[in-house]
PDB file of N, CA and C in Angstrom:
ATOM      1  N   MET A   1      69.709  67.457-221.704  1.00  0.00           N
ATOM      2  CA  MET A   1      70.773  68.442-221.762  1.00  0.00           C
ATOM      3  C   MET A   1      72.081  67.776-221.369  1.00  0.00           C
ATOM      4  N   LEU A   2      73.127  68.159-222.030  1.00  0.00           N
ATOM      5  CA  LEU A   2      74.452  67.668-221.673  1.00  0.00           C
ATOM      6  C   LEU A   2      74.985  68.504-220.519  1.00  0.00           C
ATOM      7  N   PHE A   3      75.636  67.838-219.583  1.00  0.00           N
ATOM      8  CA  PHE A   3      76.225  68.547-218.461  1.00  0.00           C
ATOM      9  C   PHE A   3      77.701  68.232-218.366  1.00  0.00           C
ATOM     10  N   GLY A   4      78.474  69.167-217.845  1.00  0.00           N
ATOM     11  CA  GLY A   4      79.865  68.923-217.530  1.00  0.00           C
ATOM     12  C   GLY A   4      80.763  68.780-218.742  1.00  0.00           C
ATOM     13  N   PHE A   5      81.613  67.769-218.661  1.00  0.00           N
ATOM     14  CA  PHE A   5      82.652  67.597-219.667  1.00  0.00           C
ATOM     15  C   PHE A   5      82.140  67.409-221.084  1.00  0.00           C
ATOM     16  N   PRO A   6      81.047  66.682-221.327  1.00  0.00           N
ATOM     17  CA  PRO A   6      80.604  66.520-222.725  1.00  0.00           C
ATOM     18  C   PRO A   6      80.266  67.844-223.411  1.00  0.00           C
ATOM     19  N   ILE A   7      79.572  68.747-222.735  1.00  0.00           N
ATOM     20  CA  ILE A   7      79.220  70.017-223.379  1.00  0.00           C
ATOM     21  C   ILE A   7      80.476  70.848-223.598  1.00  0.00           C
ATOM     22  N   VAL A   8      81.408  70.809-222.653  1.00  0.00           N
ATOM     23  CA  VAL A   8      82.673  71.522-222.826  1.00  0.00           C
ATOM     24  C   VAL A   8      83.432  70.932-224.014  1.00  0.00           C
ATOM     25  N   ALA A   9      83.427  69.613-224.135  1.00  0.00           N
ATOM     26  CA  ALA A   9      84.112  68.963-225.254  1.00  0.00           C
ATOM     27  C   ALA A   9      83.528  69.411-226.584  1.00  0.00           C
ATOM     28  N   MET A  10      82.208  69.495-226.683  1.00  0.00           N
ATOM     29  CA  MET A  10      81.576  69.914-227.926  1.00  0.00           C
ATOM     30  C   MET A  10      81.870  71.386-228.219  1.00  0.00           C
ATOM     31  N   GLU A  11      81.874  72.226-227.200  1.00  0.00           N
ATOM     32  CA  GLU A  11      82.205  73.638-227.399  1.00  0.00           C
ATOM     33  C   GLU A  11      83.651  73.794-227.859  1.00  0.00           C
ATOM     34  N   GLU A  12      84.567  73.045-227.236  1.00  0.00           N
ATOM     35  CA  GLU A  12      85.982  73.106-227.630  1.00  0.00           C
ATOM     36  C   GLU A  12      86.164  72.570-229.044  1.00  0.00           C
ATOM     37  N   LEU A  13      85.450  71.508-229.378  1.00  0.00           N
ATOM     38  CA  LEU A  13      85.522  70.953-230.724  1.00  0.00           C
ATOM     39  C   LEU A  13      85.084  71.997-231.744  1.00  0.00           C
ATOM     40  N   THR A  14      83.995  72.679-231.454  1.00  0.00           N
ATOM     41  CA  THR A  14      83.496  73.724-232.348  1.00  0.00           C
ATOM     42  C   THR A  14      84.545  74.808-232.544  1.00  0.00           C
ATOM     43  N   ARG A  15      85.170  75.245-231.455  1.00  0.00           N
ATOM     44  CA  ARG A  15      86.183  76.304-231.546  1.00  0.00           C
ATOM     45  C   ARG A  15      87.460  75.832-232.248  1.00  0.00           C
ATOM     46  N   SER A  16      87.715  74.530-232.253  1.00  0.00           N
ATOM     47  CA  SER A  16      88.945  74.029-232.861  1.00  0.00           C
ATOM     48  C   SER A  16      88.864  73.982-234.389  1.00  0.00           C
ATOM     49  N   PHE A  17      87.641  74.046-234.935  1.00  0.00           N
ATOM     50  CA  PHE A  17      87.475  74.038-236.381  1.00  0.00           C
ATOM     51  C   PHE A  17      87.535  75.460-236.921  1.00  0.00           C
ATOM     52  N   ASP A  18      88.096  75.589-238.115  1.00  0.00           N
ATOM     53  CA  ASP A  18      88.185  76.899-238.746  1.00  0.00           C
ATOM     54  C   ASP A  18      86.825  77.374-239.250  1.00  0.00           C
ATOM     55  N   ASN A  19      85.964  76.447-239.583  1.00  0.00           N
ATOM     56  CA  ASN A  19      84.668  76.799-240.169  1.00  0.00           C
ATOM     57  C   ASN A  19      83.587  75.793-239.764  1.00  0.00           C
ATOM     58  N   PRO A  20      83.226  75.761-238.465  1.00  0.00           N
ATOM     59  CA  PRO A  20      82.190  74.817-238.036  1.00  0.00           C
ATOM     60  C   PRO A  20      80.839  75.179-238.653  1.00  0.00           C
ATOM     61  N   PRO A  21      79.935  74.205-238.744  1.00  0.00           N
ATOM     62  CA  PRO A  21      78.601  74.521-239.258  1.00  0.00           C
ATOM     63  C   PRO A  21      77.956  75.640-238.430  1.00  0.00           C
ATOM     64  N   PRO A  22      77.261  76.571-239.068  1.00  0.00           N
ATOM     65  CA  PRO A  22      76.665  77.695-238.341  1.00  0.00           C
ATOM     66  C   PRO A  22      75.638  77.275-237.297  1.00  0.00           C
ATOM     67  N   ALA A  23      75.041  76.109-237.458  1.00  0.00           N
ATOM     68  CA  ALA A  23      74.023  75.643-236.508  1.00  0.00           C
ATOM     69  C   ALA A  23      74.635  75.079-235.231  1.00  0.00           C
ATOM     70  N   TRP A  24      75.948  75.024-235.147  1.00  0.00           N
ATOM     71  CA  TRP A  24      76.601  74.449-233.975  1.00  0.00           C
ATOM     72  C   TRP A  24      76.675  75.474-232.839  1.00  0.00           C
ATOM     73  N   THR A  25      75.540  75.768-232.258  1.00  0.00           N
ATOM     74  CA  THR A  25      75.454  76.654-231.095  1.00  0.00           C
ATOM     75  C   THR A  25      74.446  76.075-230.129  1.00  0.00           C
ATOM     76  N   GLY A  26      74.585  76.399-228.870  1.00  0.00           N
ATOM     77  CA  GLY A  26      73.655  75.893-227.869  1.00  0.00           C
ATOM     78  C   GLY A  26      73.911  74.435-227.548  1.00  0.00           C
ATOM     79  N   ASP A  27      72.885  73.751-227.099  1.00  0.00           N
ATOM     80  CA  ASP A  27      72.984  72.336-226.730  1.00  0.00           C
ATOM     81  C   ASP A  27      72.994  71.497-227.995  1.00  0.00           C
ATOM     82  N   PRO A  28      73.987  70.622-228.173  1.00  0.00           N
ATOM     83  CA  PRO A  28      74.062  69.833-229.399  1.00  0.00           C
ATOM     84  C   PRO A  28      72.993  68.748-229.511  1.00  0.00           C
ATOM     85  N   CYS A  29      72.298  68.439-228.419  1.00  0.00           N
ATOM     86  CA  CYS A  29      71.338  67.326-228.423  1.00  0.00           C
ATOM     87  C   CYS A  29      69.883  67.732-228.192  1.00  0.00           C
ATOM     88  N   LEU A  30      69.672  68.819-227.518  1.00  0.00           N
ATOM     89  CA  LEU A  30      68.298  69.167-227.132  1.00  0.00           C
ATOM     90  C   LEU A  30      67.929  70.570-227.551  1.00  0.00           C
ATOM     91  N   PRO A  31      66.699  70.781-227.907  1.00  0.00           N
ATOM     92  CA  PRO A  31      65.694  69.747-228.140  1.00  0.00           C
ATOM     93  C   PRO A  31      66.083  68.910-229.359  1.00  0.00           C
ATOM     94  N   PRO A  32      65.645  67.648-229.410  1.00  0.00           N
ATOM     95  CA  PRO A  32      66.075  66.741-230.483  1.00  0.00           C
ATOM     96  C   PRO A  32      65.859  67.288-231.891  1.00  0.00           C
ATOM     97  N   GLU A  33      64.785  68.021-232.106  1.00  0.00           N
ATOM     98  CA  GLU A  33      64.518  68.556-233.445  1.00  0.00           C
ATOM     99  C   GLU A  33      65.492  69.678-233.816  1.00  0.00           C
ATOM    100  N   ASN A  34      66.263  70.172-232.846  1.00  0.00           N
ATOM    101  CA  ASN A  34      67.241  71.226-233.109  1.00  0.00           C
ATOM    102  C   ASN A  34      68.665  70.762-232.838  1.00  0.00           C
ATOM    103  N   SER A  35      68.899  69.452-232.870  1.00  0.00           N
ATOM    104  CA  SER A  35      70.252  68.969-232.612  1.00  0.00           C
ATOM    105  C   SER A  35      71.201  69.478-233.694  1.00  0.00           C
ATOM    106  N   TRP A  36      72.453  69.518-233.372  1.00  0.00           N
ATOM    107  CA  TRP A  36      73.456  70.039-234.290  1.00  0.00           C
ATOM    108  C   TRP A  36      73.533  69.174-235.533  1.00  0.00           C
ATOM    109  N   THR A  37      73.755  69.791-236.664  1.00  0.00           N
ATOM    110  CA  THR A  37      73.939  69.092-237.929  1.00  0.00           C
ATOM    111  C   THR A  37      75.110  68.133-237.811  1.00  0.00           C
ATOM    112  N   GLY A  38      74.894  66.862-238.177  1.00  0.00           N
ATOM    113  CA  GLY A  38      75.949  65.857-238.138  1.00  0.00           C
ATOM    114  C   GLY A  38      76.182  65.238-236.780  1.00  0.00           C
ATOM    115  N   VAL A  39      75.420  65.652-235.770  1.00  0.00           N
ATOM    116  CA  VAL A  39      75.575  65.121-234.417  1.00  0.00           C
ATOM    117  C   VAL A  39      74.377  64.240-234.098  1.00  0.00           C
ATOM    118  N   SER A  40      74.648  63.020-233.662  1.00  0.00           N
ATOM    119  CA  SER A  40      73.582  62.124-233.210  1.00  0.00           C
ATOM    120  C   SER A  40      73.747  61.909-231.719  1.00  0.00           C
ATOM    121  N   CYS A  41      72.620  61.927-231.021  1.00  0.00           N
ATOM    122  CA  CYS A  41      72.644  61.807-229.568  1.00  0.00           C
ATOM    123  C   CYS A  41      71.807  60.617-229.116  1.00  0.00           C
ATOM    124  N   SER A  42      72.117  60.117-227.929  1.00  0.00           N
ATOM    125  CA  SER A  42      71.341  59.026-227.353  1.00  0.00           C
ATOM    126  C   SER A  42      69.959  59.544-226.978  1.00  0.00           C
ATOM    127  N   LYS A  43      69.048  58.648-226.795  1.00  0.00           N
ATOM    128  CA  LYS A  43      67.679  59.001-226.419  1.00  0.00           C
ATOM    129  C   LYS A  43      67.479  58.926-224.911  1.00  0.00           C
ATOM    130  N   ASP A  44      68.564  58.756-224.172  1.00  0.00           N
ATOM    131  CA  ASP A  44      68.497  58.649-222.722  1.00  0.00           C
ATOM    132  C   ASP A  44      68.020  59.950-222.096  1.00  0.00           C
ATOM    133  N   LYS A  45      67.630  59.865-220.830  1.00  0.00           N
ATOM    134  CA  LYS A  45      67.208  61.067-220.095  1.00  0.00           C
ATOM    135  C   LYS A  45      68.324  62.108-220.111  1.00  0.00           C
ATOM    136  N   MET A  46      69.550  61.667-219.942  1.00  0.00           N
ATOM    137  CA  MET A  46      70.718  62.534-220.045  1.00  0.00           C
ATOM    138  C   MET A  46      71.339  62.271-221.420  1.00  0.00           C
ATOM    139  N   ALA A  47      70.931  63.017-222.416  1.00  0.00           N
ATOM    140  CA  ALA A  47      71.392  62.812-223.788  1.00  0.00           C
ATOM    141  C   ALA A  47      72.907  62.890-223.870  1.00  0.00           C
ATOM    142  N   ARG A  48      73.484  61.966-224.655  1.00  0.00           N
ATOM    143  CA  ARG A  48      74.928  61.921-224.835  1.00  0.00           C
ATOM    144  C   ARG A  48      75.231  61.847-226.330  1.00  0.00           C
ATOM    145  N   VAL A  49      76.294  62.504-226.749  1.00  0.00           N
ATOM    146  CA  VAL A  49      76.708  62.459-228.148  1.00  0.00           C
ATOM    147  C   VAL A  49      77.233  61.055-228.431  1.00  0.00           C
ATOM    148  N   VAL A  50      76.633  60.387-229.424  1.00  0.00           N
ATOM    149  CA  VAL A  50      77.051  59.031-229.768  1.00  0.00           C
ATOM    150  C   VAL A  50      77.713  58.954-231.138  1.00  0.00           C
ATOM    151  N   SER A  51      77.501  59.973-231.974  1.00  0.00           N
ATOM    152  CA  SER A  51      78.047  59.924-233.322  1.00  0.00           C
ATOM    153  C   SER A  51      78.280  61.337-233.851  1.00  0.00           C
ATOM    154  N   LEU A  52      79.401  61.507-234.548  1.00  0.00           N
ATOM    155  CA  LEU A  52      79.704  62.754-235.241  1.00  0.00           C
ATOM    156  C   LEU A  52      79.986  62.410-236.696  1.00  0.00           C
ATOM    157  N   ASP A  53      79.216  62.972-237.600  1.00  0.00           N
ATOM    158  CA  ASP A  53      79.436  62.791-239.030  1.00  0.00           C
ATOM    159  C   ASP A  53      79.867  64.143-239.585  1.00  0.00           C
ATOM    160  N   LEU A  54      81.153  64.285-239.816  1.00  0.00           N
ATOM    161  CA  LEU A  54      81.723  65.562-240.234  1.00  0.00           C
ATOM    162  C   LEU A  54      81.978  65.625-241.737  1.00  0.00           C
ATOM    163  N   THR A  55      81.481  64.630-242.474  1.00  0.00           N
ATOM    164  CA  THR A  55      81.722  64.599-243.916  1.00  0.00           C
ATOM    165  C   THR A  55      80.856  65.624-244.639  1.00  0.00           C
ATOM    166  N   ASN A  56      81.371  66.114-245.731  1.00  0.00           N
ATOM    167  CA  ASN A  56      80.655  67.031-246.624  1.00  0.00           C
ATOM    168  C   ASN A  56      80.281  68.374-246.004  1.00  0.00           C
ATOM    169  N   PHE A  57      80.980  68.779-244.949  1.00  0.00           N
ATOM    170  CA  PHE A  57      80.727  70.088-244.354  1.00  0.00           C
ATOM    171  C   PHE A  57      81.832  71.072-244.664  1.00  0.00           C
ATOM    172  N   GLY A  58      82.909  70.603-245.284  1.00  0.00           N
ATOM    173  CA  GLY A  58      84.037  71.482-245.584  1.00  0.00           C
ATOM    174  C   GLY A  58      84.740  71.973-244.331  1.00  0.00           C
ATOM    175  N   ILE A  59      84.649  71.209-243.265  1.00  0.00           N
ATOM    176  CA  ILE A  59      85.261  71.586-241.990  1.00  0.00           C
ATOM    177  C   ILE A  59      86.768  71.384-242.078  1.00  0.00           C
ATOM    178  N   SER A  60      87.508  72.331-241.518  1.00  0.00           N
ATOM    179  CA  SER A  60      88.950  72.169-241.414  1.00  0.00           C
ATOM    180  C   SER A  60      89.377  72.525-240.000  1.00  0.00           C
ATOM    181  N   GLY A  61      90.514  72.007-239.616  1.00  0.00           N
ATOM    182  CA  GLY A  61      91.013  72.227-238.270  1.00  0.00           C
ATOM    183  C   GLY A  61      91.354  70.901-237.633  1.00  0.00           C
ATOM    184  N   ALA A  62      91.660  70.919-236.367  1.00  0.00           N
ATOM    185  CA  ALA A  62      92.064  69.721-235.640  1.00  0.00           C
ATOM    186  C   ALA A  62      90.998  69.330-234.624  1.00  0.00           C
ATOM    187  N   LEU A  63      90.956  68.040-234.303  1.00  0.00           N
ATOM    188  CA  LEU A  63      90.062  67.593-233.234  1.00  0.00           C
ATOM    189  C   LEU A  63      90.677  67.994-231.904  1.00  0.00           C
ATOM    190  N   HIS A  64      89.923  68.692-231.091  1.00  0.00           N
ATOM    191  CA  HIS A  64      90.416  69.131-229.791  1.00  0.00           C
ATOM    192  C   HIS A  64      90.547  67.916-228.871  1.00  0.00           C
ATOM    193  N   PRO A  65      91.581  67.870-228.027  1.00  0.00           N
ATOM    194  CA  PRO A  65      91.784  66.724-227.137  1.00  0.00           C
ATOM    195  C   PRO A  65      90.604  66.436-226.204  1.00  0.00           C
ATOM    196  N   THR A  66      89.764  67.426-225.920  1.00  0.00           N
ATOM    197  CA  THR A  66      88.628  67.176-225.033  1.00  0.00           C
ATOM    198  C   THR A  66      87.590  66.261-225.667  1.00  0.00           C
ATOM    199  N   ILE A  67      87.774  65.892-226.937  1.00  0.00           N
ATOM    200  CA  ILE A  67      86.866  64.932-227.556  1.00  0.00           C
ATOM    201  C   ILE A  67      86.888  63.619-226.767  1.00  0.00           C
ATOM    202  N   ASP A  68      87.977  63.369-226.037  1.00  0.00           N
ATOM    203  CA  ASP A  68      88.059  62.175-225.188  1.00  0.00           C
ATOM    204  C   ASP A  68      86.968  62.155-224.123  1.00  0.00           C
ATOM    205  N   ASN A  69      86.409  63.315-223.795  1.00  0.00           N
ATOM    206  CA  ASN A  69      85.357  63.375-222.785  1.00  0.00           C
ATOM    207  C   ASN A  69      83.993  62.956-223.322  1.00  0.00           C
ATOM    208  N   LEU A  70      83.908  62.713-224.619  1.00  0.00           N
ATOM    209  CA  LEU A  70      82.653  62.222-225.208  1.00  0.00           C
ATOM    210  C   LEU A  70      82.678  60.702-225.103  1.00  0.00           C
ATOM    211  N   THR A  71      82.455  60.201-223.899  1.00  0.00           N
ATOM    212  CA  THR A  71      82.639  58.780-223.618  1.00  0.00           C
ATOM    213  C   THR A  71      81.605  57.873-224.279  1.00  0.00           C
ATOM    214  N   ALA A  72      80.503  58.421-224.753  1.00  0.00           N
ATOM    215  CA  ALA A  72      79.498  57.613-225.456  1.00  0.00           C
ATOM    216  C   ALA A  72      79.719  57.626-226.970  1.00  0.00           C
ATOM    217  N   LEU A  73      80.687  58.400-227.442  1.00  0.00           N
ATOM    218  CA  LEU A  73      80.945  58.517-228.877  1.00  0.00           C
ATOM    219  C   LEU A  73      81.451  57.186-229.421  1.00  0.00           C
ATOM    220  N   HIS A  74      80.757  56.648-230.402  1.00  0.00           N
ATOM    221  CA  HIS A  74      81.189  55.392-230.996  1.00  0.00           C
ATOM    222  C   HIS A  74      81.356  55.472-232.511  1.00  0.00           C
ATOM    223  N   HIS A  75      81.080  56.633-233.086  1.00  0.00           N
ATOM    224  CA  HIS A  75      81.265  56.804-234.532  1.00  0.00           C
ATOM    225  C   HIS A  75      81.748  58.217-234.798  1.00  0.00           C
ATOM    226  N   LEU A  76      82.861  58.306-235.508  1.00  0.00           N
ATOM    227  CA  LEU A  76      83.398  59.615-235.894  1.00  0.00           C
ATOM    228  C   LEU A  76      83.713  59.574-237.365  1.00  0.00           C
TER     229      LEU A  76
END
């Protein structure tokens, strides 16, 4: 489960888009079989968002500044 700033960052990111994917609710990483569409997470005990693939979702809007709190993110 994500704790603290990373989960807040993902929630803010979701709200910043005009049309986020409908599956973007709850924990973006756990359980792994229910992770958010386009979101890849680490396999660590404390799962962290490592990649966001936002292509082909028709998403519009701006990236919220709290994305900076996704310190393990290495692909956007």
